[in-house]
Amino acid sequence: MFPSRSVIEKLEGLRRGDLITVDWHDACAFSRAVEINPNVYTTKKRTIGYFYGIFESPDHSMKYLVLVTEETDGVPSEGSSIPVGCIESIHLKTTRKTMKEQMKEAKVSEVPIKTIILTEKIFVEVGKAPDMGAEIISYPC
């Protein structure tokens, strides 16, 4: 029965932002069925999205896997809510790396630590161009 131990283990290992594929069983309606067989009463679904979290129903009777499929201005705007008990399998496509992990992978020379802009005044005698070999004295403003 669902969810299997492997599904539970995968759910426990997911982080927000992981791209996953979920195979699950949905409820369905039918009418005018001549014979009641699996083609009539089963509906297998495949949903792809970014893991957002596992949430309980208000009465704590059911848990839901929430996937985000679209964001608007950085806020989730579209997605799917799948009852955890209906999940057959989960496949991890890509893992969203944390900022700490991204910083570890970056080369030190590519990561600016601090940028400083310094304005200096250069004093030159009026009417004379500075000698190329002459020492120029500058003072920070």
N, C-alpha and C. Protein backbone atom coordinates (compact mmCIF):
# COMPACT_ATOMS: atom_id res chain seq x y z
N MET A 1 0.85 -1.19 0.00
CA MET A 1 0.00 0.00 0.00
C MET A 1 0.88 1.25 0.00
N PHE A 2 0.25 2.35 -0.15
CA PHE A 2 0.96 3.62 -0.26
C PHE A 2 0.90 4.37 1.05
N PRO A 3 1.83 5.21 1.38
CA PRO A 3 3.11 5.35 0.68
C PRO A 3 4.08 4.25 1.12
N SER A 4 4.95 3.86 0.22
CA SER A 4 5.94 2.84 0.52
C SER A 4 7.05 3.44 1.39
N ARG A 5 7.87 2.58 1.95
CA ARG A 5 8.99 3.03 2.79
C ARG A 5 9.94 3.90 1.97
N SER A 6 10.18 3.54 0.70
CA SER A 6 11.10 4.34 -0.13
C SER A 6 10.53 5.74 -0.39
N VAL A 7 9.21 5.85 -0.55
CA VAL A 7 8.59 7.17 -0.73
C VAL A 7 8.76 8.01 0.53
N ILE A 8 8.53 7.42 1.68
CA ILE A 8 8.68 8.14 2.95
C ILE A 8 10.12 8.61 3.12
N GLU A 9 11.10 7.74 2.81
CA GLU A 9 12.51 8.12 2.92
C GLU A 9 12.85 9.27 1.97
N LYS A 10 12.34 9.22 0.75
CA LYS A 10 12.60 10.30 -0.21
C LYS A 10 11.96 11.61 0.25
N LEU A 11 10.75 11.53 0.78
CA LEU A 11 10.08 12.74 1.29
C LEU A 11 10.89 13.37 2.42
N GLU A 12 11.43 12.54 3.29
CA GLU A 12 12.22 13.05 4.42
C GLU A 12 13.52 13.70 3.97
N GLY A 13 14.05 13.30 2.80
CA GLY A 13 15.31 13.85 2.32
C GLY A 13 15.17 15.06 1.41
N LEU A 14 13.94 15.45 1.08
CA LEU A 14 13.75 16.58 0.15
C LEU A 14 13.97 17.92 0.84
N ARG A 15 14.47 18.86 0.05
CA ARG A 15 14.63 20.24 0.51
C ARG A 15 13.82 21.15 -0.40
N ARG A 16 13.31 22.23 0.16
CA ARG A 16 12.54 23.17 -0.64
C ARG A 16 13.34 23.59 -1.86
N GLY A 17 12.69 23.50 -3.02
CA GLY A 17 13.34 23.87 -4.27
C GLY A 17 13.84 22.70 -5.08
N ASP A 18 13.86 21.48 -4.50
CA ASP A 18 14.26 20.30 -5.27
C ASP A 18 13.23 20.06 -6.37
N LEU A 19 13.73 19.80 -7.57
CA LEU A 19 12.84 19.47 -8.70
C LEU A 19 12.58 17.97 -8.68
N ILE A 20 11.30 17.59 -8.60
CA ILE A 20 10.94 16.17 -8.49
C ILE A 20 9.83 15.79 -9.46
N THR A 21 9.76 14.50 -9.75
CA THR A 21 8.65 13.91 -10.49
C THR A 21 7.92 12.98 -9.53
N VAL A 22 6.60 13.12 -9.45
CA VAL A 22 5.80 12.31 -8.54
C VAL A 22 4.79 11.51 -9.36
N ASP A 23 4.82 10.19 -9.18
CA ASP A 23 3.80 9.31 -9.77
C ASP A 23 2.82 9.00 -8.66
N TRP A 24 1.52 9.23 -8.94
CA TRP A 24 0.52 9.06 -7.88
C TRP A 24 -0.82 8.64 -8.48
N HIS A 25 -1.71 8.23 -7.60
CA HIS A 25 -3.04 7.77 -8.01
C HIS A 25 -4.08 8.81 -7.60
N ASP A 26 -4.89 9.22 -8.55
CA ASP A 26 -5.92 10.23 -8.32
C ASP A 26 -7.29 9.56 -8.27
N ALA A 27 -8.20 10.22 -7.62
CA ALA A 27 -9.59 9.77 -7.64
C ALA A 27 -10.17 10.08 -9.02
N CYS A 28 -11.21 9.38 -9.42
CA CYS A 28 -11.84 9.67 -10.70
C CYS A 28 -13.33 9.38 -10.63
N ALA A 29 -14.03 9.90 -11.57
CA ALA A 29 -15.47 9.64 -11.69
C ALA A 29 -15.71 8.93 -13.02
N PHE A 30 -16.73 8.16 -13.08
CA PHE A 30 -17.07 7.51 -14.35
C PHE A 30 -18.59 7.44 -14.48
N SER A 31 -19.03 7.27 -15.71
CA SER A 31 -20.45 7.10 -15.98
C SER A 31 -20.61 6.21 -17.20
N ARG A 32 -21.76 5.58 -17.29
CA ARG A 32 -22.09 4.71 -18.42
C ARG A 32 -21.07 3.58 -18.62
N ALA A 33 -20.48 3.11 -17.54
CA ALA A 33 -19.52 2.01 -17.65
C ALA A 33 -20.28 0.71 -17.86
N VAL A 34 -19.87 -0.04 -18.87
CA VAL A 34 -20.49 -1.32 -19.14
C VAL A 34 -19.95 -2.36 -18.16
N GLU A 35 -18.66 -2.23 -17.85
CA GLU A 35 -18.01 -3.15 -16.94
C GLU A 35 -17.10 -2.34 -16.01
N ILE A 36 -17.08 -2.69 -14.75
CA ILE A 36 -16.20 -2.00 -13.80
C ILE A 36 -14.88 -2.76 -13.76
N ASN A 37 -13.83 -2.16 -14.35
CA ASN A 37 -12.50 -2.76 -14.38
C ASN A 37 -11.46 -1.67 -14.11
N PRO A 38 -10.17 -2.02 -13.96
CA PRO A 38 -9.14 -1.02 -13.65
C PRO A 38 -9.08 0.16 -14.62
N ASN A 39 -9.40 -0.04 -15.88
CA ASN A 39 -9.40 1.07 -16.82
C ASN A 39 -10.45 2.12 -16.47
N VAL A 40 -11.46 1.72 -15.76
CA VAL A 40 -12.55 2.62 -15.40
C VAL A 40 -12.24 3.34 -14.08
N TYR A 41 -11.75 2.61 -13.09
CA TYR A 41 -11.63 3.20 -11.75
C TYR A 41 -10.23 3.65 -11.34
N THR A 42 -9.22 3.51 -12.19
CA THR A 42 -7.87 3.99 -11.83
C THR A 42 -7.48 5.18 -12.69
N THR A 43 -6.80 6.10 -12.05
CA THR A 43 -6.26 7.27 -12.76
C THR A 43 -4.86 7.53 -12.22
N LYS A 44 -3.85 7.12 -13.00
CA LYS A 44 -2.47 7.37 -12.60
C LYS A 44 -2.06 8.74 -13.13
N LYS A 45 -1.37 9.48 -12.28
CA LYS A 45 -0.92 10.83 -12.64
C LYS A 45 0.59 10.91 -12.50
N ARG A 46 1.19 11.82 -13.24
CA ARG A 46 2.60 12.18 -13.08
C ARG A 46 2.66 13.70 -13.00
N THR A 47 3.21 14.19 -11.91
CA THR A 47 3.32 15.63 -11.69
C THR A 47 4.78 15.99 -11.49
N ILE A 48 5.22 17.04 -12.17
CA ILE A 48 6.60 17.52 -12.04
C ILE A 48 6.54 18.93 -11.46
N GLY A 49 7.35 19.17 -10.44
CA GLY A 49 7.37 20.50 -9.83
C GLY A 49 8.48 20.61 -8.80
N TYR A 50 8.56 21.79 -8.20
CA TYR A 50 9.56 22.07 -7.18
C TYR A 50 8.97 21.82 -5.80
N PHE A 51 9.67 21.00 -5.02
CA PHE A 51 9.20 20.65 -3.68
C PHE A 51 9.08 21.92 -2.84
N TYR A 52 7.89 22.11 -2.25
CA TYR A 52 7.66 23.26 -1.39
C TYR A 52 7.53 22.82 0.07
N GLY A 53 6.91 21.66 0.30
CA GLY A 53 6.80 21.18 1.66
C GLY A 53 5.74 20.12 1.82
N ILE A 54 5.67 19.57 3.03
CA ILE A 54 4.64 18.62 3.42
C ILE A 54 3.78 19.33 4.45
N PHE A 55 2.46 19.35 4.23
CA PHE A 55 1.56 20.07 5.11
C PHE A 55 0.42 19.16 5.55
N GLU A 56 -0.03 19.36 6.78
CA GLU A 56 -1.16 18.59 7.30
C GLU A 56 -2.46 19.33 7.03
N SER A 57 -3.54 18.54 6.90
CA SER A 57 -4.87 19.14 6.79
C SER A 57 -5.21 19.77 8.15
N PRO A 58 -6.15 20.73 8.17
CA PRO A 58 -6.49 21.39 9.45
C PRO A 58 -6.92 20.41 10.55
N ASP A 59 -7.54 19.29 10.18
CA ASP A 59 -7.97 18.33 11.21
C ASP A 59 -6.90 17.26 11.48
N HIS A 60 -5.72 17.41 10.88
CA HIS A 60 -4.57 16.52 11.06
C HIS A 60 -4.83 15.08 10.61
N SER A 61 -5.80 14.88 9.73
CA SER A 61 -6.12 13.53 9.28
C SER A 61 -5.37 13.13 8.01
N MET A 62 -4.74 14.09 7.33
CA MET A 62 -4.09 13.80 6.05
C MET A 62 -2.89 14.72 5.89
N LYS A 63 -1.84 14.19 5.22
CA LYS A 63 -0.67 15.01 4.87
C LYS A 63 -0.65 15.19 3.35
N TYR A 64 -0.19 16.36 2.92
CA TYR A 64 -0.14 16.70 1.50
C TYR A 64 1.27 17.11 1.10
N LEU A 65 1.69 16.62 -0.06
CA LEU A 65 2.93 17.06 -0.70
C LEU A 65 2.55 18.25 -1.57
N VAL A 66 3.21 19.39 -1.37
CA VAL A 66 2.92 20.59 -2.16
C VAL A 66 4.10 20.86 -3.08
N LEU A 67 3.78 20.93 -4.38
CA LEU A 67 4.77 21.25 -5.41
C LEU A 67 4.41 22.59 -6.03
N VAL A 68 5.42 23.39 -6.32
CA VAL A 68 5.22 24.68 -7.00
C VAL A 68 5.66 24.51 -8.44
N THR A 69 4.80 24.95 -9.36
CA THR A 69 5.13 24.85 -10.79
C THR A 69 5.36 26.23 -11.41
N GLU A 70 4.96 27.28 -10.71
CA GLU A 70 5.15 28.63 -11.25
C GLU A 70 5.22 29.63 -10.10
N GLU A 71 6.10 30.63 -10.27
CA GLU A 71 6.20 31.73 -9.32
C GLU A 71 5.95 33.04 -10.05
N THR A 72 5.34 33.97 -9.35
CA THR A 72 5.15 35.32 -9.87
C THR A 72 5.79 36.29 -8.89
N ASP A 73 6.75 37.06 -9.36
CA ASP A 73 7.49 38.00 -8.51
C ASP A 73 8.05 37.30 -7.27
N GLY A 74 8.57 36.08 -7.45
CA GLY A 74 9.19 35.35 -6.36
C GLY A 74 8.23 34.68 -5.39
N VAL A 75 6.93 34.76 -5.67
CA VAL A 75 5.92 34.17 -4.79
C VAL A 75 5.24 33.01 -5.53
N PRO A 76 5.14 31.82 -4.88
CA PRO A 76 4.46 30.71 -5.56
C PRO A 76 3.05 31.09 -5.97
N SER A 77 2.72 30.85 -7.26
CA SER A 77 1.39 31.23 -7.74
C SER A 77 0.62 30.04 -8.33
N GLU A 78 1.33 28.98 -8.73
CA GLU A 78 0.65 27.79 -9.24
C GLU A 78 1.37 26.56 -8.75
N GLY A 79 0.63 25.48 -8.58
CA GLY A 79 1.25 24.25 -8.12
C GLY A 79 0.24 23.15 -7.95
N SER A 80 0.64 22.12 -7.22
CA SER A 80 -0.20 20.95 -6.98
C SER A 80 -0.10 20.53 -5.53
N SER A 81 -1.19 19.98 -5.04
CA SER A 81 -1.25 19.42 -3.70
C SER A 81 -1.64 17.96 -3.87
N ILE A 82 -0.76 17.06 -3.42
CA ILE A 82 -0.98 15.63 -3.63
C ILE A 82 -1.07 14.94 -2.27
N PRO A 83 -2.16 14.21 -2.00
CA PRO A 83 -2.21 13.46 -0.74
C PRO A 83 -1.06 12.45 -0.67
N VAL A 84 -0.30 12.50 0.41
CA VAL A 84 0.88 11.64 0.55
C VAL A 84 0.51 10.16 0.42
N GLY A 85 -0.66 9.77 0.91
CA GLY A 85 -1.09 8.39 0.84
C GLY A 85 -1.36 7.89 -0.56
N CYS A 86 -1.41 8.78 -1.55
CA CYS A 86 -1.69 8.39 -2.94
C CYS A 86 -0.41 8.28 -3.77
N ILE A 87 0.75 8.58 -3.17
CA ILE A 87 2.01 8.63 -3.93
C ILE A 87 2.57 7.23 -4.12
N GLU A 88 2.86 6.91 -5.38
CA GLU A 88 3.46 5.62 -5.74
C GLU A 88 4.98 5.71 -5.74
N SER A 89 5.53 6.80 -6.33
CA SER A 89 6.99 6.95 -6.38
C SER A 89 7.36 8.42 -6.54
N ILE A 90 8.60 8.71 -6.14
CA ILE A 90 9.16 10.06 -6.28
C ILE A 90 10.54 9.92 -6.89
N HIS A 91 10.82 10.75 -7.88
CA HIS A 91 12.13 10.74 -8.53
C HIS A 91 12.71 12.15 -8.43
N LEU A 92 13.88 12.25 -7.85
CA LEU A 92 14.57 13.54 -7.71
C LEU A 92 15.25 13.87 -9.03
N LYS A 93 14.91 15.03 -9.60
CA LYS A 93 15.51 15.46 -10.87
C LYS A 93 16.76 16.28 -10.60
N THR A 94 16.63 17.36 -9.85
CA THR A 94 17.78 18.20 -9.48
C THR A 94 17.57 18.71 -8.08
N THR A 95 18.68 18.98 -7.42
CA THR A 95 18.65 19.52 -6.06
C THR A 95 19.02 20.99 -6.12
N ARG A 96 18.24 21.82 -5.47
CA ARG A 96 18.58 23.23 -5.37
C ARG A 96 19.65 23.36 -4.30
N LYS A 97 20.77 23.97 -4.66
CA LYS A 97 21.87 24.10 -3.72
C LYS A 97 21.65 25.29 -2.80
N THR A 98 22.08 25.12 -1.56
CA THR A 98 21.98 26.22 -0.61
C THR A 98 23.05 27.25 -0.96
N MET A 99 22.87 28.47 -0.45
CA MET A 99 23.85 29.53 -0.70
C MET A 99 25.22 29.11 -0.17
N LYS A 100 25.26 28.44 0.97
CA LYS A 100 26.52 28.00 1.55
C LYS A 100 27.23 27.03 0.61
N GLU A 101 26.48 26.09 0.02
CA GLU A 101 27.06 25.14 -0.92
C GLU A 101 27.56 25.84 -2.17
N GLN A 102 26.82 26.82 -2.66
CA GLN A 102 27.23 27.57 -3.85
C GLN A 102 28.52 28.33 -3.58
N MET A 103 28.64 28.90 -2.39
CA MET A 103 29.84 29.67 -2.03
C MET A 103 31.06 28.74 -1.93
N LYS A 104 30.88 27.54 -1.41
CA LYS A 104 31.99 26.59 -1.31
C LYS A 104 32.49 26.20 -2.69
N GLU A 105 31.59 26.08 -3.65
CA GLU A 105 31.97 25.68 -5.00
C GLU A 105 32.62 26.81 -5.80
N ALA A 106 32.31 28.04 -5.44
CA ALA A 106 32.85 29.18 -6.19
C ALA A 106 34.33 29.35 -5.89
N LYS A 107 35.08 29.80 -6.89
CA LYS A 107 36.49 30.09 -6.68
C LYS A 107 36.60 31.39 -5.90
N VAL A 108 37.60 31.47 -5.04
CA VAL A 108 37.77 32.66 -4.21
C VAL A 108 37.94 33.90 -5.07
N SER A 109 38.66 33.80 -6.19
CA SER A 109 38.88 34.96 -7.05
C SER A 109 37.61 35.45 -7.71
N GLU A 110 36.59 34.61 -7.79
CA GLU A 110 35.34 35.01 -8.44
C GLU A 110 34.33 35.59 -7.46
N VAL A 111 34.64 35.55 -6.19
CA VAL A 111 33.69 36.03 -5.18
C VAL A 111 34.22 37.34 -4.59
N PRO A 112 33.65 38.48 -4.98
CA PRO A 112 34.12 39.74 -4.40
C PRO A 112 33.75 39.80 -2.92
N ILE A 113 34.73 40.18 -2.11
CA ILE A 113 34.46 40.28 -0.68
C ILE A 113 33.96 41.68 -0.35
N LYS A 114 34.64 42.69 -0.89
CA LYS A 114 34.23 44.06 -0.64
C LYS A 114 34.75 44.93 -1.78
N THR A 115 33.94 45.83 -2.24
CA THR A 115 34.34 46.76 -3.28
C THR A 115 34.50 48.14 -2.66
N ILE A 116 35.65 48.78 -2.91
CA ILE A 116 35.92 50.11 -2.35
C ILE A 116 36.15 51.08 -3.50
N ILE A 117 35.48 52.21 -3.44
CA ILE A 117 35.71 53.29 -4.40
C ILE A 117 36.42 54.40 -3.64
N LEU A 118 37.60 54.79 -4.13
CA LEU A 118 38.40 55.79 -3.45
C LEU A 118 38.56 57.01 -4.36
N THR A 119 38.20 58.16 -3.85
CA THR A 119 38.37 59.41 -4.59
C THR A 119 39.59 60.13 -4.01
N GLU A 120 40.51 60.55 -4.88
CA GLU A 120 41.72 61.23 -4.42
C GLU A 120 41.85 62.58 -5.13
N LYS A 121 42.45 63.53 -4.42
CA LYS A 121 42.81 64.82 -5.03
C LYS A 121 44.28 64.76 -5.37
N ILE A 122 44.62 65.21 -6.57
CA ILE A 122 46.01 65.26 -7.00
C ILE A 122 46.39 66.71 -7.16
N PHE A 123 47.47 67.12 -6.49
CA PHE A 123 47.90 68.51 -6.53
C PHE A 123 49.03 68.66 -7.52
N VAL A 124 48.84 69.57 -8.47
CA VAL A 124 49.82 69.86 -9.50
C VAL A 124 49.98 71.37 -9.54
N GLU A 125 51.23 71.83 -9.71
CA GLU A 125 51.44 73.28 -9.80
C GLU A 125 50.73 73.80 -11.04
N VAL A 126 50.12 74.96 -10.89
CA VAL A 126 49.39 75.56 -11.98
C VAL A 126 50.36 75.95 -13.08
N GLY A 127 50.02 75.60 -14.31
CA GLY A 127 50.83 75.95 -15.46
C GLY A 127 51.92 74.94 -15.77
N LYS A 128 52.11 73.95 -14.93
CA LYS A 128 53.14 72.94 -15.18
C LYS A 128 52.51 71.56 -15.29
N ALA A 129 52.90 70.84 -16.31
CA ALA A 129 52.47 69.45 -16.43
C ALA A 129 53.40 68.60 -15.57
N PRO A 130 52.90 67.60 -14.91
CA PRO A 130 53.78 66.77 -14.08
C PRO A 130 54.76 65.99 -14.94
N ASP A 131 55.98 65.86 -14.42
CA ASP A 131 57.01 65.04 -15.05
C ASP A 131 56.60 63.58 -14.94
N MET A 132 56.88 62.82 -15.98
CA MET A 132 56.50 61.41 -15.94
C MET A 132 57.26 60.68 -14.84
N GLY A 133 58.45 61.10 -14.52
CA GLY A 133 59.24 60.45 -13.49
C GLY A 133 59.05 61.11 -12.13
N ALA A 134 58.35 62.24 -12.08
CA ALA A 134 58.19 62.97 -10.83
C ALA A 134 57.22 62.25 -9.90
N GLU A 135 57.46 62.44 -8.61
CA GLU A 135 56.59 61.84 -7.62
C GLU A 135 55.34 62.71 -7.45
N ILE A 136 54.18 62.05 -7.50
CA ILE A 136 52.92 62.77 -7.32
C ILE A 136 52.41 62.43 -5.92
N ILE A 137 52.09 63.45 -5.18
CA ILE A 137 51.57 63.25 -3.82
C ILE A 137 50.06 63.41 -3.88
N SER A 138 49.36 62.40 -3.41
CA SER A 138 47.90 62.49 -3.40
C SER A 138 47.42 62.29 -1.98
N TYR A 139 46.29 62.90 -1.68
CA TYR A 139 45.67 62.80 -0.37
C TYR A 139 44.24 62.30 -0.53
N PRO A 140 43.85 61.29 0.22
CA PRO A 140 42.45 60.85 0.16
C PRO A 140 41.53 61.97 0.60
N CYS A 141 40.38 62.09 -0.05
CA CYS A 141 39.41 63.12 0.31
C CYS A 141 38.64 62.74 1.54
